[in-house]
C-alpha atoms as a PDB file:
ATOM      1  CA  UNK A   1      42.503 -49.088  -8.039  1.00  0.00           C
ATOM      2  CA  UNK A   2      43.323 -52.286  -6.215  1.00  0.00           C
ATOM      3  CA  UNK A   3      42.103 -52.825  -2.663  1.00  0.00           C
ATOM      4  CA  UNK A   4      45.003 -54.163  -0.597  1.00  0.00           C
ATOM      5  CA  UNK A   5      44.489 -57.120   1.670  1.00  0.00           C
ATOM      6  CA  UNK A   6      41.430 -58.288  -0.230  1.00  0.00           C
ATOM      7  CA  UNK A   7      42.905 -60.788  -2.678  1.00  0.00           C
ATOM      8  CA  UNK A   8      43.778 -58.000  -5.134  1.00  0.00           C
ATOM      9  CA  UNK A   9      40.252 -56.934  -5.977  1.00  0.00           C
ATOM     10  CA  UNK A  10      40.187 -54.404  -8.798  1.00  0.00           C
ATOM     11  CA  UNK A  11      37.695 -51.562  -8.262  1.00  0.00           C
ATOM     12  CA  UNK A  12      37.106 -49.079 -11.077  1.00  0.00           C
ATOM     13  CA  UNK A  13      35.119 -45.869 -10.478  1.00  0.00           C
ATOM     14  CA  UNK A  14      33.161 -44.071 -13.218  1.00  0.00           C
ATOM     15  CA  UNK A  15      30.627 -41.257 -13.367  1.00  0.00           C
ATOM     16  CA  UNK A  16      27.725 -40.462 -15.651  1.00  0.00           C
ATOM     17  CA  UNK A  17      25.971 -37.108 -15.632  1.00  0.00           C
ATOM     18  CA  UNK A  18      22.680 -36.280 -17.304  1.00  0.00           C
ATOM     19  CA  UNK A  19      22.464 -32.591 -18.220  1.00  0.00           C
ATOM     20  CA  UNK A  20      18.818 -31.472 -18.144  1.00  0.00           C
ATOM     21  CA  UNK A  21      17.285 -28.301 -19.567  1.00  0.00           C
ATOM     22  CA  UNK A  22      13.500 -28.010 -19.159  1.00  0.00           C
ATOM     23  CA  UNK A  23      12.149 -31.273 -20.619  1.00  0.00           C
ATOM     24  CA  UNK A  24      15.313 -32.089 -22.616  1.00  0.00           C
ATOM     25  CA  UNK A  25      18.271 -34.255 -21.606  1.00  0.00           C
ATOM     26  CA  UNK A  26      21.682 -34.084 -23.281  1.00  0.00           C
ATOM     27  CA  UNK A  27      23.046 -37.456 -24.420  1.00  0.00           C
ATOM     28  CA  UNK A  28      26.248 -38.329 -26.278  1.00  0.00           C
ATOM     29  CA  UNK A  29      26.525 -41.014 -28.949  1.00  0.00           C
ATOM     30  CA  UNK A  30      29.352 -43.189 -27.655  1.00  0.00           C
ATOM     31  CA  UNK A  31      31.143 -45.284 -30.305  1.00  0.00           C
ATOM     32  CA  UNK A  32      31.491 -49.041 -29.904  1.00  0.00           C
ATOM     33  CA  UNK A  33      35.297 -48.809 -29.508  1.00  0.00           C
ATOM     34  CA  UNK A  34      34.833 -46.865 -26.227  1.00  0.00           C
ATOM     35  CA  UNK A  35      32.570 -49.502 -24.658  1.00  0.00           C
ATOM     36  CA  UNK A  36      28.880 -49.113 -23.822  1.00  0.00           C
ATOM     37  CA  UNK A  37      27.966 -47.871 -27.328  1.00  0.00           C
ATOM     38  CA  UNK A  38      24.869 -45.844 -28.048  1.00  0.00           C
ATOM     39  CA  UNK A  39      23.183 -42.764 -26.621  1.00  0.00           C
ATOM     40  CA  UNK A  40      24.131 -42.237 -22.980  1.00  0.00           C
ATOM     41  CA  UNK A  41      24.917 -39.433 -20.556  1.00  0.00           C
ATOM     42  CA  UNK A  42      28.444 -38.006 -20.647  1.00  0.00           C
ATOM     43  CA  UNK A  43      30.822 -39.635 -18.207  1.00  0.00           C
ATOM     44  CA  UNK A  44      33.914 -41.697 -17.717  1.00  0.00           C
ATOM     45  CA  UNK A  45      36.614 -42.871 -15.375  1.00  0.00           C
ATOM     46  CA  UNK A  46      37.357 -40.944 -12.188  1.00  0.00           C
ATOM     47  CA  UNK A  47      41.007 -39.885 -12.075  1.00  0.00           C
ATOM     48  CA  UNK A  48      42.808 -40.192  -8.731  1.00  0.00           C
ATOM     49  CA  UNK A  49      42.775 -38.071  -6.543  1.00  0.00           C
ATOM     50  CA  UNK A  50      39.719 -36.165  -7.841  1.00  0.00           C
ATOM     51  CA  UNK A  51      36.386 -36.590  -6.080  1.00  0.00           C
ATOM     52  CA  UNK A  52      33.461 -38.316  -7.774  1.00  0.00           C
ATOM     53  CA  UNK A  53      31.750 -34.966  -8.351  1.00  0.00           C
ATOM     54  CA  UNK A  54      34.926 -33.416  -9.766  1.00  0.00           C
ATOM     55  CA  UNK A  55      35.228 -36.405 -12.112  1.00  0.00           C
ATOM     56  CA  UNK A  56      31.638 -35.981 -13.315  1.00  0.00           C
ATOM     57  CA  UNK A  57      32.150 -32.250 -13.942  1.00  0.00           C
ATOM     58  CA  UNK A  58      35.413 -32.901 -15.826  1.00  0.00           C
ATOM     59  CA  UNK A  59      33.909 -35.658 -17.970  1.00  0.00           C
ATOM     60  CA  UNK A  60      30.945 -33.476 -19.006  1.00  0.00           C
ATOM     61  CA  UNK A  61      33.426 -30.725 -19.940  1.00  0.00           C
ATOM     62  CA  UNK A  62      35.667 -33.094 -21.928  1.00  0.00           C
ATOM     63  CA  UNK A  63      32.805 -34.748 -23.816  1.00  0.00           C
ATOM     64  CA  UNK A  64      30.510 -31.759 -24.415  1.00  0.00           C
ATOM     65  CA  UNK A  65      32.365 -28.510 -23.697  1.00  0.00           C
ATOM     66  CA  UNK A  66      29.737 -27.627 -21.075  1.00  0.00           C
ATOM     67  CA  UNK A  67      30.648 -26.471 -17.559  1.00  0.00           C
ATOM     68  CA  UNK A  68      28.016 -27.910 -15.211  1.00  0.00           C
ATOM     69  CA  UNK A  69      27.425 -26.959 -11.584  1.00  0.00           C
ATOM     70  CA  UNK A  70      25.200 -27.954  -8.702  1.00  0.00           C
ATOM     71  CA  UNK A  71      25.221 -31.673  -9.452  1.00  0.00           C
ATOM     72  CA  UNK A  72      22.767 -33.937  -7.640  1.00  0.00           C
ATOM     73  CA  UNK A  73      23.765 -37.533  -6.883  1.00  0.00           C
ATOM     74  CA  UNK A  74      21.098 -39.890  -8.257  1.00  0.00           C
ATOM     75  CA  UNK A  75      22.400 -43.379  -7.556  1.00  0.00           C
ATOM     76  CA  UNK A  76      24.905 -46.129  -8.193  1.00  0.00           C
ATOM     77  CA  UNK A  77      25.119 -48.823 -10.852  1.00  0.00           C
ATOM     78  CA  UNK A  78      27.639 -51.589 -10.372  1.00  0.00           C
ATOM     79  CA  UNK A  79      28.863 -54.734 -12.025  1.00  0.00           C
ATOM     80  CA  UNK A  80      30.748 -57.403 -10.096  1.00  0.00           C
ATOM     81  CA  UNK A  81      32.656 -60.322 -11.581  1.00  0.00           C
ATOM     82  CA  UNK A  82      33.742 -62.524  -8.648  1.00  0.00           C
ATOM     83  CA  UNK A  83      35.702 -64.823 -10.981  1.00  0.00           C
ATOM     84  CA  UNK A  84      37.929 -61.910 -12.024  1.00  0.00           C
ATOM     85  CA  UNK A  85      37.954 -60.121  -8.610  1.00  0.00           C
ATOM     86  CA  UNK A  86      36.569 -57.086 -10.441  1.00  0.00           C
ATOM     87  CA  UNK A  87      34.049 -54.417  -9.402  1.00  0.00           C
ATOM     88  CA  UNK A  88      32.907 -51.652 -11.793  1.00  0.00           C
ATOM     89  CA  UNK A  89      30.977 -48.772 -10.179  1.00  0.00           C
ATOM     90  CA  UNK A  90      29.159 -45.924 -11.971  1.00  0.00           C
ATOM     91  CA  UNK A  91      28.070 -42.952  -9.849  1.00  0.00           C
ATOM     92  CA  UNK A  92      25.155 -41.185 -11.548  1.00  0.00           C
ATOM     93  CA  UNK A  93      24.498 -37.449 -11.362  1.00  0.00           C
ATOM     94  CA  UNK A  94      22.002 -34.910 -12.679  1.00  0.00           C
ATOM     95  CA  UNK A  95      22.949 -31.340 -13.603  1.00  0.00           C
ATOM     96  CA  UNK A  96      20.251 -28.754 -14.239  1.00  0.00           C
ATOM     97  CA  UNK A  97      22.428 -25.646 -14.348  1.00  0.00           C
ATOM     98  CA  UNK A  98      25.548 -24.503 -16.147  1.00  0.00           C
ATOM     99  CA  UNK A  99      28.274 -22.057 -15.183  1.00  0.00           C
ATOM    100  CA  UNK A 100      27.382 -20.130 -18.357  1.00  0.00           C
ATOM    101  CA  UNK A 101      24.251 -20.153 -20.482  1.00  0.00           C
ATOM    102  CA  UNK A 102      25.286 -22.546 -23.236  1.00  0.00           C
ATOM    103  CA  UNK A 103      21.775 -23.865 -23.828  1.00  0.00           C
ATOM    104  CA  UNK A 104      21.090 -21.149 -26.394  1.00  0.00           C
ATOM    105  CA  UNK A 105      23.906 -22.422 -28.656  1.00  0.00           C
ATOM    106  CA  UNK A 106      23.216 -26.157 -28.423  1.00  0.00           C
ATOM    107  CA  UNK A 107      21.764 -27.676 -31.598  1.00  0.00           C
ATOM    108  CA  UNK A 108      18.137 -28.759 -31.413  1.00  0.00           C
ATOM    109  CA  UNK A 109      17.456 -32.484 -31.405  1.00  0.00           C
ATOM    110  CA  UNK A 110      15.322 -33.986 -34.142  1.00  0.00           C
END
């Protein structure tokens, strides 16, 4: 997205959603080629015109196959590069319930 009238500032919106079950949190191992490698919460770019919450729900579904509900907004992380007129914003969510009980089929972590 580019904000008009502001010297063509590029603003990119992302979500990340931690899925919590009791004292466990679901993380995905993101490969280096996708940026931000390592173990992180599922998430990704928000597609226009979906809302931030819709984007978080879709990204969890695409990356894990889980259908989350009742998301709670937990905060914002952002990176700004004034030299490139670029702002990167990650909206963080927590989900503690699923539309169906998938927890029983998830593999146990070591």
